[in-house]
Structures are given as C-alpha cells and as structure tokens.
Amino acid sequence: MYTLTVEQKEFLQHGTRTGKLATVRKDGRPHVVPIWFVLDGNTLVFNTDDTSVKAHNMRRDAHVTICVDDETAPYTFIIVEGMAVLEEHSEDLKLWATRIGARYMGSDRAEEFGTRNSTEGELLVRVTPTKVIFARDVAN
C-alpha cells in the first residue's frame, strides 16, 4: 500500500476536480470514464451503478488507475494505481454518496445527491493506492 503525502491529498481534495478512472474490458481494451470521488484517509471513494461498464470491469479485474489533473498552467497531475474493492449493500453508501454530492454539487444539494446515488443497485467503490505518480507544475 502507498501512503499519500499531505500535498497529494490536498491536490486530490481541491475543488471539484474529477478523476478519470481507467479499467480494462474483457477483450483488453481500455475503458476510461470521469468519476466524482472523495478521500477516506488514503483511499479514494466513489460510487457507481452495478450494471455500469466500469463495475463489470472492476468485478473481473480489480486493477484500476485514476488520473486527476489541474488543467490550468503550470499544470499538475496525479496518477493513482490501485485495487478496487466493490461493496454491495454497504451501510456506508448513503454517507459517502452524500459527501461526494456535497463536494461536487454543494452542501445545499448534498442530501439530494446522497439519496439519489445510494439506491438499490449502487455500489460503493474504494481504491487504495499501490503506486502514485505526482507531477507538479510540469510547464515550468
């Protein structure tokens, strides 16, 4: 397991940067999709529908990569490789879905998004880093 630095955690938690989650399809093709996420210590937490392509891919192969970047000069990015753990019927799903909703939609809509994204068929996904690449100010 990789322990994120304070600087890396601050970067990951800043504003509403989305993660770009990469999984591998059964035939080996990559699948990349944006995700909303929050941190739980060193673990990136997000939710997804259990019928999504990414859920199918992670069930078959738990290896994932998440890229988060700052799209303004001088540009910074972090790439987190890790193993996804999918939790079905998690008692914590609404808690985390609400925290994610607060981050991306604001505290006034957090409960709405928490309720919407914690219904039957939603999964809680936790990715614990095994490797991290962090490059700050790459255009300097």
Protein backbone atom coordinates (compact mmCIF):
# COMPACT_ATOMS: atom_id res chain seq x y z
CA MET A 1 0.00 0.00 0.00
CA TYR A 2 1.14 3.52 -0.82
CA THR A 3 0.62 6.34 1.67
CA LEU A 4 -0.41 9.61 0.06
CA THR A 5 1.54 12.69 1.15
CA VAL A 6 -0.20 15.73 2.60
CA GLU A 7 0.49 17.59 -0.66
CA GLN A 8 -1.03 14.79 -2.74
CA LYS A 9 -4.14 14.64 -0.54
CA GLU A 10 -4.58 18.41 -0.76
CA PHE A 11 -4.31 18.22 -4.56
CA LEU A 12 -6.85 15.38 -4.78
CA GLN A 13 -9.31 17.17 -2.49
CA HIS A 14 -9.04 20.61 -4.09
CA GLY A 15 -12.26 21.94 -5.56
CA THR A 16 -14.28 19.77 -7.88
CA ARG A 17 -11.56 18.08 -9.91
CA THR A 18 -12.89 14.86 -11.35
CA GLY A 19 -10.99 11.62 -11.54
CA LYS A 20 -10.59 9.77 -14.81
CA LEU A 21 -11.00 6.10 -13.95
CA ALA A 22 -9.32 3.56 -16.24
CA THR A 23 -10.43 -0.07 -16.19
CA VAL A 24 -9.85 -2.92 -18.62
CA ARG A 25 -12.60 -4.54 -20.67
CA LYS A 26 -12.77 -8.32 -21.04
CA ASP A 27 -11.18 -8.12 -24.51
CA GLY A 28 -8.30 -5.99 -23.19
CA ARG A 29 -9.49 -2.62 -24.48
CA PRO A 30 -9.19 0.27 -22.02
CA HIS A 31 -12.29 1.98 -20.66
CA VAL A 32 -11.93 5.49 -19.21
CA VAL A 33 -14.72 7.43 -17.53
CA PRO A 34 -14.87 10.53 -15.32
CA ILE A 35 -15.82 9.97 -11.69
CA TRP A 36 -16.71 12.06 -8.67
CA PHE A 37 -14.75 10.97 -5.62
CA VAL A 38 -13.67 11.86 -2.10
CA LEU A 39 -10.86 10.64 0.13
CA ASP A 40 -11.16 8.41 3.17
CA GLY A 41 -7.64 8.62 4.54
CA ASN A 42 -5.52 7.22 1.69
CA THR A 43 -8.44 5.61 -0.08
CA LEU A 44 -10.32 7.16 -3.00
CA VAL A 45 -14.06 6.53 -2.63
CA PHE A 46 -16.73 6.76 -5.32
CA ASN A 47 -19.97 5.07 -6.24
CA THR A 48 -21.34 3.57 -9.43
CA ASP A 49 -24.29 1.62 -10.72
CA ASP A 50 -23.74 -2.12 -10.51
CA THR A 51 -24.64 -2.51 -14.21
CA SER A 52 -22.09 0.03 -15.47
CA VAL A 53 -19.19 -0.97 -17.72
CA LYS A 54 -16.73 0.11 -15.04
CA ALA A 55 -18.45 -2.06 -12.41
CA HIS A 56 -18.34 -5.10 -14.72
CA ASN A 57 -14.68 -4.43 -15.47
CA MET A 58 -13.70 -3.98 -11.80
CA ARG A 59 -15.51 -7.18 -10.80
CA ARG A 60 -13.44 -9.12 -13.32
CA ASP A 61 -10.16 -7.27 -12.77
CA ALA A 62 -9.79 -5.05 -9.70
CA HIS A 63 -6.69 -3.25 -11.04
CA VAL A 64 -7.56 0.38 -11.79
CA THR A 65 -5.85 3.68 -12.49
CA ILE A 66 -7.27 7.09 -11.63
CA CYS A 67 -5.83 10.29 -13.09
CA VAL A 68 -6.67 13.70 -11.63
CA ASP A 69 -5.27 16.86 -13.19
CA ASP A 70 -5.24 20.61 -12.87
CA GLU A 71 -6.00 21.93 -16.33
CA THR A 72 -4.55 25.39 -15.70
CA ALA A 73 -0.93 26.42 -16.20
CA PRO A 74 1.56 25.43 -14.95
CA TYR A 75 -0.34 22.08 -14.85
CA THR A 76 -0.17 19.39 -12.20
CA PHE A 77 -1.41 15.82 -12.21
CA ILE A 78 -1.54 12.71 -10.09
CA ILE A 79 -1.93 9.14 -11.28
CA VAL A 80 -3.12 6.64 -8.69
CA GLU A 81 -2.83 2.93 -9.40
CA GLY A 82 -4.61 0.58 -7.06
CA MET A 83 -7.06 -2.20 -6.41
CA ALA A 84 -10.78 -1.51 -6.41
CA VAL A 85 -12.94 -3.06 -3.70
CA LEU A 86 -16.65 -3.06 -4.57
CA GLU A 87 -19.10 -3.02 -1.69
CA GLU A 88 -22.65 -4.13 -2.44
CA HIS A 89 -25.38 -3.22 0.05
CA SER A 90 -22.92 -1.09 2.04
CA GLU A 91 -24.33 0.57 5.12
CA ASP A 92 -21.95 3.44 4.37
CA LEU A 93 -23.18 4.06 0.82
CA LYS A 94 -25.51 6.97 1.64
CA LEU A 95 -22.90 8.60 3.89
CA TRP A 96 -20.27 8.55 1.15
CA ALA A 97 -22.71 9.42 -1.65
CA THR A 98 -23.77 12.47 0.39
CA ARG A 99 -20.14 13.53 0.96
CA ILE A 100 -19.45 13.17 -2.75
CA GLY A 101 -22.62 15.14 -3.55
CA ALA A 102 -21.51 17.90 -1.18
CA ARG A 103 -18.12 18.16 -2.87
CA TYR A 104 -19.42 18.37 -6.43
CA MET A 105 -22.88 19.92 -6.05
CA GLY A 106 -22.54 21.93 -2.84
CA SER A 107 -23.78 21.38 0.69
CA ASP A 108 -27.27 22.60 -0.19
CA ARG A 109 -27.73 19.68 -2.62
CA ALA A 110 -25.64 17.05 -0.80
CA GLU A 111 -28.59 15.19 0.70
CA GLU A 112 -30.41 15.13 -2.65
CA PHE A 113 -27.43 13.56 -4.41
CA GLY A 114 -26.70 11.28 -1.47
CA THR A 115 -30.23 9.89 -1.66
CA ARG A 116 -30.19 9.65 -5.46
CA ASN A 117 -26.85 7.82 -5.53
CA SER A 118 -27.48 5.36 -2.70
CA THR A 119 -30.43 3.46 -4.09
CA GLU A 120 -30.65 -0.27 -4.75
CA GLY A 121 -28.12 -1.24 -7.40
CA GLU A 122 -25.49 1.33 -6.44
CA LEU A 123 -22.05 0.18 -5.34
CA LEU A 124 -19.53 1.84 -3.08
CA VAL A 125 -16.04 1.57 -4.53
CA ARG A 126 -12.80 2.03 -2.59
CA VAL A 127 -9.43 2.30 -4.29
CA THR A 128 -6.36 2.03 -2.11
CA PRO A 129 -3.22 3.27 -3.88
CA THR A 130 -0.42 0.81 -4.67
CA LYS A 131 1.57 3.27 -6.80
CA VAL A 132 1.37 7.03 -7.29
CA ILE A 133 2.94 9.35 -9.84
CA PHE A 134 2.65 13.03 -8.89
CA ALA A 135 3.99 15.82 -11.11
CA ARG A 136 3.57 19.41 -10.00
CA ASP A 137 4.00 22.46 -12.26
CA VAL A 138 5.02 20.45 -15.34
CA ALA A 139 5.08 23.53 -17.63
CA ASN A 140 7.68 25.38 -15.55
